[in-house]
Each structure stands twice: as C-alpha cells, then as structure tokens.
Amino acid sequence: MLNTIVTGTPHPDRPPALIVHGLYGSARNWGVIAKRLSDTCQVLAVDMRNHGASPHLPTHSYPDLAADLAEVIDAHGGRAAVIGHSMGGKAAMVLALTRPDAVSRLMVADIAPVAYSHTQLPFIHAMQAVDLSRVEKRSDVDAQLARHVDDPTLRSFFTQSLDLKEKRWRLNLDTLAAEMPKILSFPEISGTYTGPTLFLSGADSTYVTREHRPRILELFPSARFAKIPGAGHWLHAEKPREFEAAARAFLTA
C-alpha cells in the first residue's frame, strides 16, 4: 500500500479527504495544507508509487495509480473526497471514472483529461546525472542540478526528494523515464463521474484551456471551473492560502 500521512481525526459527517501529489512530489509537500484542512475532515496525503516512501514498481500507468488510491480509500472507510494535482489529478480522475463509489467529490488542480506534448525527461536526466557520491549537503545537489535546470525553485523542489543520509533519490527515476509517455497521456475510459467536481486552475497556467472543457464535461458532467489569480501550474505552492480556501469551500459544500 502507498505510504500515507494521516492528519486529524475522522469527521462524524464527512469522509476523509485524500490528497494526491503531482510528478516528483510527495505527501510531505502537502503537509501545511493538510494540517489546515484537517479541521474540516480527516486528511490523507499519499506518496504515489515510485515516489517518496511508497513502493518502487516497474509500471506507472494511470489505471495502476488509480488502483493504488482505491486501496488506500478502502483501508480508510471506503469513500473519500479526492484532491489531485497534475499527475495526481489525472490519477484522481481515472479513480473517479473507474471507482465512482469510492469518490464522494473530486477536485482536480491544474490538469485536464488529455494528452500533453511537453516532456519531463530533461529533469529526470538532470537528476540521474547528479554524482551522489560527491554529495554532502543539499546545496551540493543544487549546484550539480544548476548545470541543467535554470529555475532555482524547481531545483529546490527536486532536492526535497533526495535521501541525503542514504545518498539516493526517493524517486524511481528509471521507471518514471520509461513510463513518461503514459504519464503525459490520458487513458481511453468509457463512462462518466457525476459527483461534485471542481477543476481549479492557475490563471497564469496553460494546462487547462477552454478547448479542454468539452472533453472535461463529457467525462465529468457536474464539473465547475475556477481560477486562482496570479498562480501558475504550482498553484497550491504559489498561492497556498487561496488554494486552501477553495479546497475548504469545496469540501464543506
């Protein structure tokens, strides 16, 4: 089962909220938001497979990821509100479409049920190129990553997935690289999820466009759309208070 961080106690009237991180992320990245939302319901934050302290496995398809999430939900009462960002949002959508009984409501953060043409492989190659034998502190990793990754915010984000003591990445980089086509795509799935659904995007992001809305509404006919001003793809990190407010309103509606 996925490594799961549980925050708060079960709510008498609401199922738990399950937070699903994006590519290269972890449950720990969501600790502050999970703690703040725990006054509304119990919050479960998971490390997805091939990330963090969860199992490193040879596959990384969205049906696999959705099945992992269903196992966590089944272990915590059988039903949950699900909040997923980016890759985690796609996994959450597949879960809702294939196991609608397990999802009380769905919040998708800055991703659409479509295939994307960009690639994340250069970042994987940058992490694979780090000589971990020469690493004594995180700044050593940052200096090596800087040869390939210009953005210091991204470098800081990647180093959060480094086990400095063991000198290893907590990411299964080989599997993520091999499965990148699946990560960028979205599987063909029949059926719909009719429960309450919110697609929350960063106003400065191009991941969810008006051209995506027909497909979204075909799969999620109850979907509503909202944007956080001044936020890009990493809306929960760039505007955490605004993200928390949107999630709180959705969870308690």
Protein backbone atom coordinates (compact mmCIF):
# COMPACT_ATOMS: atom_id res chain seq x y z
CA MET A 1 0.00 0.00 0.00
CA LEU A 2 1.05 3.57 -0.57
CA ASN A 3 2.82 5.41 2.22
CA THR A 4 0.10 7.58 3.79
CA ILE A 5 0.33 10.51 6.18
CA VAL A 6 -2.88 10.88 8.19
CA THR A 7 -3.72 14.28 9.67
CA GLY A 8 -6.63 14.86 12.04
CA THR A 9 -9.34 12.53 13.24
CA PRO A 10 -12.34 11.09 11.39
CA HIS A 11 -15.20 13.56 10.99
CA PRO A 12 -18.65 12.28 12.05
CA ASP A 13 -20.39 13.66 8.97
CA ARG A 14 -17.71 13.77 6.25
CA PRO A 15 -15.44 11.19 4.64
CA PRO A 16 -11.71 11.86 4.67
CA ALA A 17 -10.02 13.97 2.02
CA LEU A 18 -7.30 12.24 0.02
CA ILE A 19 -4.55 14.50 -1.38
CA VAL A 20 -2.69 13.18 -4.43
CA HIS A 21 0.55 14.95 -5.40
CA GLY A 22 1.97 15.50 -8.87
CA LEU A 23 5.07 14.19 -10.64
CA TYR A 24 8.24 14.35 -8.48
CA GLY A 25 6.14 15.37 -5.46
CA SER A 26 5.37 13.70 -2.14
CA ALA A 27 2.89 13.70 0.70
CA ARG A 28 5.26 15.87 2.73
CA ASN A 29 4.96 18.69 0.17
CA TRP A 30 1.30 19.00 1.20
CA GLY A 31 1.84 18.94 4.97
CA VAL A 32 0.82 22.54 5.68
CA ILE A 33 -2.34 22.41 3.56
CA ALA A 34 -3.27 19.01 5.02
CA LYS A 35 -2.91 20.37 8.56
CA ARG A 36 -5.03 23.44 7.78
CA LEU A 37 -7.79 21.37 6.16
CA SER A 38 -7.85 18.83 8.97
CA ASP A 39 -10.34 20.93 10.92
CA THR A 40 -12.91 20.15 8.21
CA CYS A 41 -12.24 16.40 7.93
CA GLN A 42 -9.51 13.84 8.32
CA VAL A 43 -6.87 14.32 5.62
CA LEU A 44 -4.89 11.54 3.96
CA ALA A 45 -1.82 12.52 1.92
CA VAL A 46 -0.06 9.78 -0.02
CA ASP A 47 3.26 9.18 -1.69
CA MET A 48 2.38 7.84 -5.12
CA ARG A 49 4.14 4.72 -6.34
CA ASN A 50 7.72 5.39 -7.45
CA HIS A 51 7.76 8.46 -5.20
CA GLY A 52 8.72 9.08 -1.58
CA ALA A 53 8.41 6.15 0.80
CA SER A 54 5.95 4.21 -1.37
CA PRO A 55 6.97 1.08 -3.30
CA HIS A 56 9.15 1.43 -6.38
CA LEU A 57 7.43 -0.62 -9.07
CA PRO A 58 8.08 -1.29 -12.77
CA THR A 59 4.90 0.38 -14.07
CA HIS A 60 3.37 3.84 -13.74
CA SER A 61 0.12 3.89 -15.71
CA TYR A 62 -2.95 5.78 -14.56
CA PRO A 63 -5.01 2.61 -14.03
CA ASP A 64 -2.18 1.43 -11.75
CA LEU A 65 -2.15 4.73 -9.87
CA ALA A 66 -5.94 4.76 -9.54
CA ALA A 67 -5.91 1.21 -8.15
CA ASP A 68 -3.30 2.28 -5.57
CA LEU A 69 -5.55 5.14 -4.47
CA ALA A 70 -8.59 2.86 -4.26
CA GLU A 71 -6.65 0.57 -1.92
CA VAL A 72 -5.89 3.49 0.40
CA ILE A 73 -9.52 4.64 0.38
CA ASP A 74 -10.77 1.12 1.06
CA ALA A 75 -8.47 1.00 4.09
CA HIS A 76 -9.97 4.25 5.43
CA GLY A 77 -13.70 3.66 5.23
CA GLY A 78 -14.24 3.04 1.52
CA ARG A 79 -15.11 6.58 0.41
CA ALA A 80 -13.18 9.85 0.24
CA ALA A 81 -13.14 13.30 -1.27
CA VAL A 82 -10.16 13.37 -3.60
CA ILE A 83 -7.90 16.33 -4.40
CA GLY A 84 -5.31 15.70 -7.11
CA HIS A 85 -2.70 17.98 -8.66
CA SER A 86 -1.22 17.48 -12.14
CA MET A 87 -0.24 13.79 -12.44
CA GLY A 88 -2.17 13.22 -9.23
CA GLY A 89 -5.17 14.96 -10.78
CA LYS A 90 -5.13 12.55 -13.71
CA ALA A 91 -4.88 9.59 -11.32
CA ALA A 92 -7.79 11.02 -9.31
CA MET A 93 -9.87 11.40 -12.48
CA VAL A 94 -9.24 7.80 -13.51
CA LEU A 95 -10.15 6.68 -9.98
CA ALA A 96 -13.43 8.63 -10.13
CA LEU A 97 -14.28 7.21 -13.56
CA THR A 98 -13.48 3.61 -12.66
CA ARG A 99 -14.49 3.57 -8.97
CA PRO A 100 -17.13 6.31 -8.59
CA ASP A 101 -18.42 4.60 -5.46
CA ALA A 102 -15.11 5.43 -3.74
CA VAL A 103 -15.12 9.17 -4.55
CA SER A 104 -17.57 11.44 -2.73
CA ARG A 105 -16.34 14.55 -4.59
CA LEU A 106 -13.42 15.37 -6.85
CA MET A 107 -11.15 18.41 -7.04
CA VAL A 108 -8.66 18.49 -9.92
CA ALA A 109 -5.84 21.03 -9.69
CA ASP A 110 -4.48 22.41 -12.98
CA ILE A 111 -4.70 19.41 -15.29
CA ALA A 112 -7.15 18.12 -17.90
CA PRO A 113 -8.03 14.58 -19.05
CA VAL A 114 -5.97 14.96 -22.22
CA ALA A 115 -2.53 14.11 -23.57
CA TYR A 116 0.17 16.77 -23.31
CA SER A 117 3.04 17.25 -25.73
CA HIS A 118 5.69 18.61 -23.36
CA THR A 119 8.19 16.24 -21.77
CA GLN A 120 9.61 15.93 -18.28
CA LEU A 121 12.54 13.77 -19.37
CA PRO A 122 15.19 16.53 -19.16
CA PHE A 123 14.50 16.86 -15.44
CA ILE A 124 14.86 13.12 -14.92
CA HIS A 125 18.12 13.14 -16.86
CA ALA A 126 19.34 16.07 -14.73
CA MET A 127 18.67 14.13 -11.52
CA GLN A 128 20.24 10.98 -12.94
CA ALA A 129 23.36 12.99 -13.82
CA VAL A 130 23.95 14.05 -10.20
CA ASP A 131 27.02 12.31 -8.76
CA LEU A 132 25.61 11.38 -5.37
CA SER A 133 28.98 10.10 -4.16
CA ARG A 134 30.14 13.74 -4.08
CA VAL A 135 27.11 14.99 -2.15
CA GLU A 136 27.39 16.02 1.50
CA LYS A 137 24.59 18.60 1.69
CA ARG A 138 21.61 19.66 -0.41
CA SER A 139 23.45 22.65 -1.78
CA ASP A 140 25.88 20.21 -3.43
CA VAL A 141 22.97 18.68 -5.32
CA ASP A 142 21.62 22.11 -6.20
CA ALA A 143 24.99 23.08 -7.67
CA GLN A 144 25.07 19.98 -9.88
CA LEU A 145 21.43 20.38 -10.95
CA ALA A 146 22.10 24.01 -11.88
CA ARG A 147 24.10 22.80 -14.89
CA HIS A 148 20.86 21.51 -16.42
CA VAL A 149 17.99 23.22 -14.56
CA ASP A 150 17.93 27.02 -14.58
CA ASP A 151 14.95 27.53 -12.24
CA PRO A 152 16.12 27.58 -8.58
CA THR A 153 12.57 26.86 -7.39
CA LEU A 154 12.47 23.64 -9.40
CA ARG A 155 15.91 22.65 -8.14
CA SER A 156 14.76 23.15 -4.56
CA PHE A 157 11.64 21.09 -5.27
CA PHE A 158 13.69 18.22 -6.72
CA THR A 159 16.12 18.14 -3.79
CA GLN A 160 13.19 17.52 -1.44
CA SER A 161 13.07 14.03 -2.97
CA LEU A 162 16.69 13.30 -2.03
CA ASP A 163 17.53 10.98 0.85
CA LEU A 164 20.71 12.79 1.88
CA LYS A 165 21.72 10.23 4.51
CA GLU A 166 21.43 7.28 2.12
CA LYS A 167 22.60 9.35 -0.86
CA ARG A 168 19.77 8.20 -3.09
CA TRP A 169 16.72 9.65 -4.79
CA ARG A 170 13.33 8.73 -3.33
CA LEU A 171 12.10 8.75 -6.94
CA ASN A 172 12.22 5.69 -9.16
CA LEU A 173 13.78 7.69 -11.98
CA ASP A 174 14.27 4.74 -14.34
CA THR A 175 10.60 3.72 -14.25
CA LEU A 176 9.37 7.31 -14.47
CA ALA A 177 11.52 7.83 -17.56
CA ALA A 178 10.36 4.61 -19.20
CA GLU A 179 6.70 5.33 -18.43
CA MET A 180 6.78 9.03 -19.37
CA PRO A 181 4.53 8.54 -22.43
CA LYS A 182 1.83 7.13 -20.14
CA ILE A 183 2.29 9.93 -17.62
CA LEU A 184 1.81 12.59 -20.31
CA SER A 185 -1.20 10.85 -21.85
CA PHE A 186 -4.67 10.03 -20.53
CA PRO A 187 -6.21 6.58 -20.97
CA GLU A 188 -9.33 5.92 -23.04
CA ILE A 189 -12.06 5.32 -20.48
CA SER A 190 -15.77 4.92 -21.04
CA GLY A 191 -18.32 6.17 -18.55
CA THR A 192 -18.69 9.32 -16.50
CA TYR A 193 -18.34 10.58 -12.96
CA THR A 194 -21.42 12.57 -11.97
CA GLY A 195 -20.43 13.57 -8.44
CA PRO A 196 -19.49 17.14 -7.46
CA THR A 197 -16.35 18.09 -9.38
CA LEU A 198 -14.19 21.21 -9.35
CA PHE A 199 -11.45 21.97 -11.86
CA LEU A 200 -9.27 24.58 -10.14
CA SER A 201 -6.55 26.14 -12.27
CA GLY A 202 -3.88 28.79 -12.01
CA ALA A 203 -4.94 31.84 -14.01
CA ASP A 204 -1.41 32.09 -15.44
CA SER A 205 -1.25 28.40 -16.38
CA THR A 206 -1.96 26.94 -19.83
CA TYR A 207 -2.61 23.40 -18.65
CA VAL A 208 -6.42 23.74 -18.69
CA THR A 209 -7.91 25.74 -21.55
CA ARG A 210 -11.40 26.41 -22.85
CA GLU A 211 -10.68 23.92 -25.63
CA HIS A 212 -10.43 21.20 -22.97
CA ARG A 213 -13.83 21.92 -21.46
CA PRO A 214 -15.97 19.83 -23.84
CA ARG A 215 -13.94 16.71 -23.03
CA ILE A 216 -13.99 17.53 -19.32
CA LEU A 217 -17.77 17.95 -19.32
CA GLU A 218 -18.21 14.76 -21.33
CA LEU A 219 -16.48 12.78 -18.58
CA PHE A 220 -17.47 14.96 -15.60
CA PRO A 221 -20.89 16.49 -16.40
CA SER A 222 -21.17 18.18 -12.98
CA ALA A 223 -17.80 19.91 -13.33
CA ARG A 224 -17.40 23.53 -12.28
CA PHE A 225 -14.39 25.66 -13.16
CA ALA A 226 -12.44 28.23 -11.14
CA LYS A 227 -9.08 30.00 -11.38
CA ILE A 228 -6.70 31.40 -8.79
CA PRO A 229 -5.41 34.82 -9.96
CA GLY A 230 -1.66 35.20 -10.10
CA ALA A 231 -0.97 31.47 -9.93
CA GLY A 232 0.62 29.15 -12.45
CA HIS A 233 0.73 25.36 -12.58
CA TRP A 234 2.04 25.06 -9.00
CA LEU A 235 -0.99 26.92 -7.67
CA HIS A 236 -1.01 25.19 -4.26
CA ALA A 237 2.60 26.29 -3.63
CA GLU A 238 2.34 29.74 -5.21
CA LYS A 239 -0.99 30.68 -3.58
CA PRO A 240 -1.41 28.28 -0.64
CA ARG A 241 -3.98 30.36 1.24
CA GLU A 242 -6.16 30.81 -1.82
CA PHE A 243 -5.84 27.12 -2.66
CA GLU A 244 -6.76 26.17 0.90
CA ALA A 245 -9.81 28.45 0.83
CA ALA A 246 -11.02 26.90 -2.43
CA ALA A 247 -10.48 23.38 -1.12
CA ARG A 248 -12.18 24.15 2.17
CA ALA A 249 -15.24 25.61 0.44
CA PHE A 250 -15.44 22.59 -1.85
CA LEU A 251 -15.00 20.02 0.91
CA THR A 252 -17.64 21.60 3.15
CA ALA A 253 -20.21 22.45 0.46
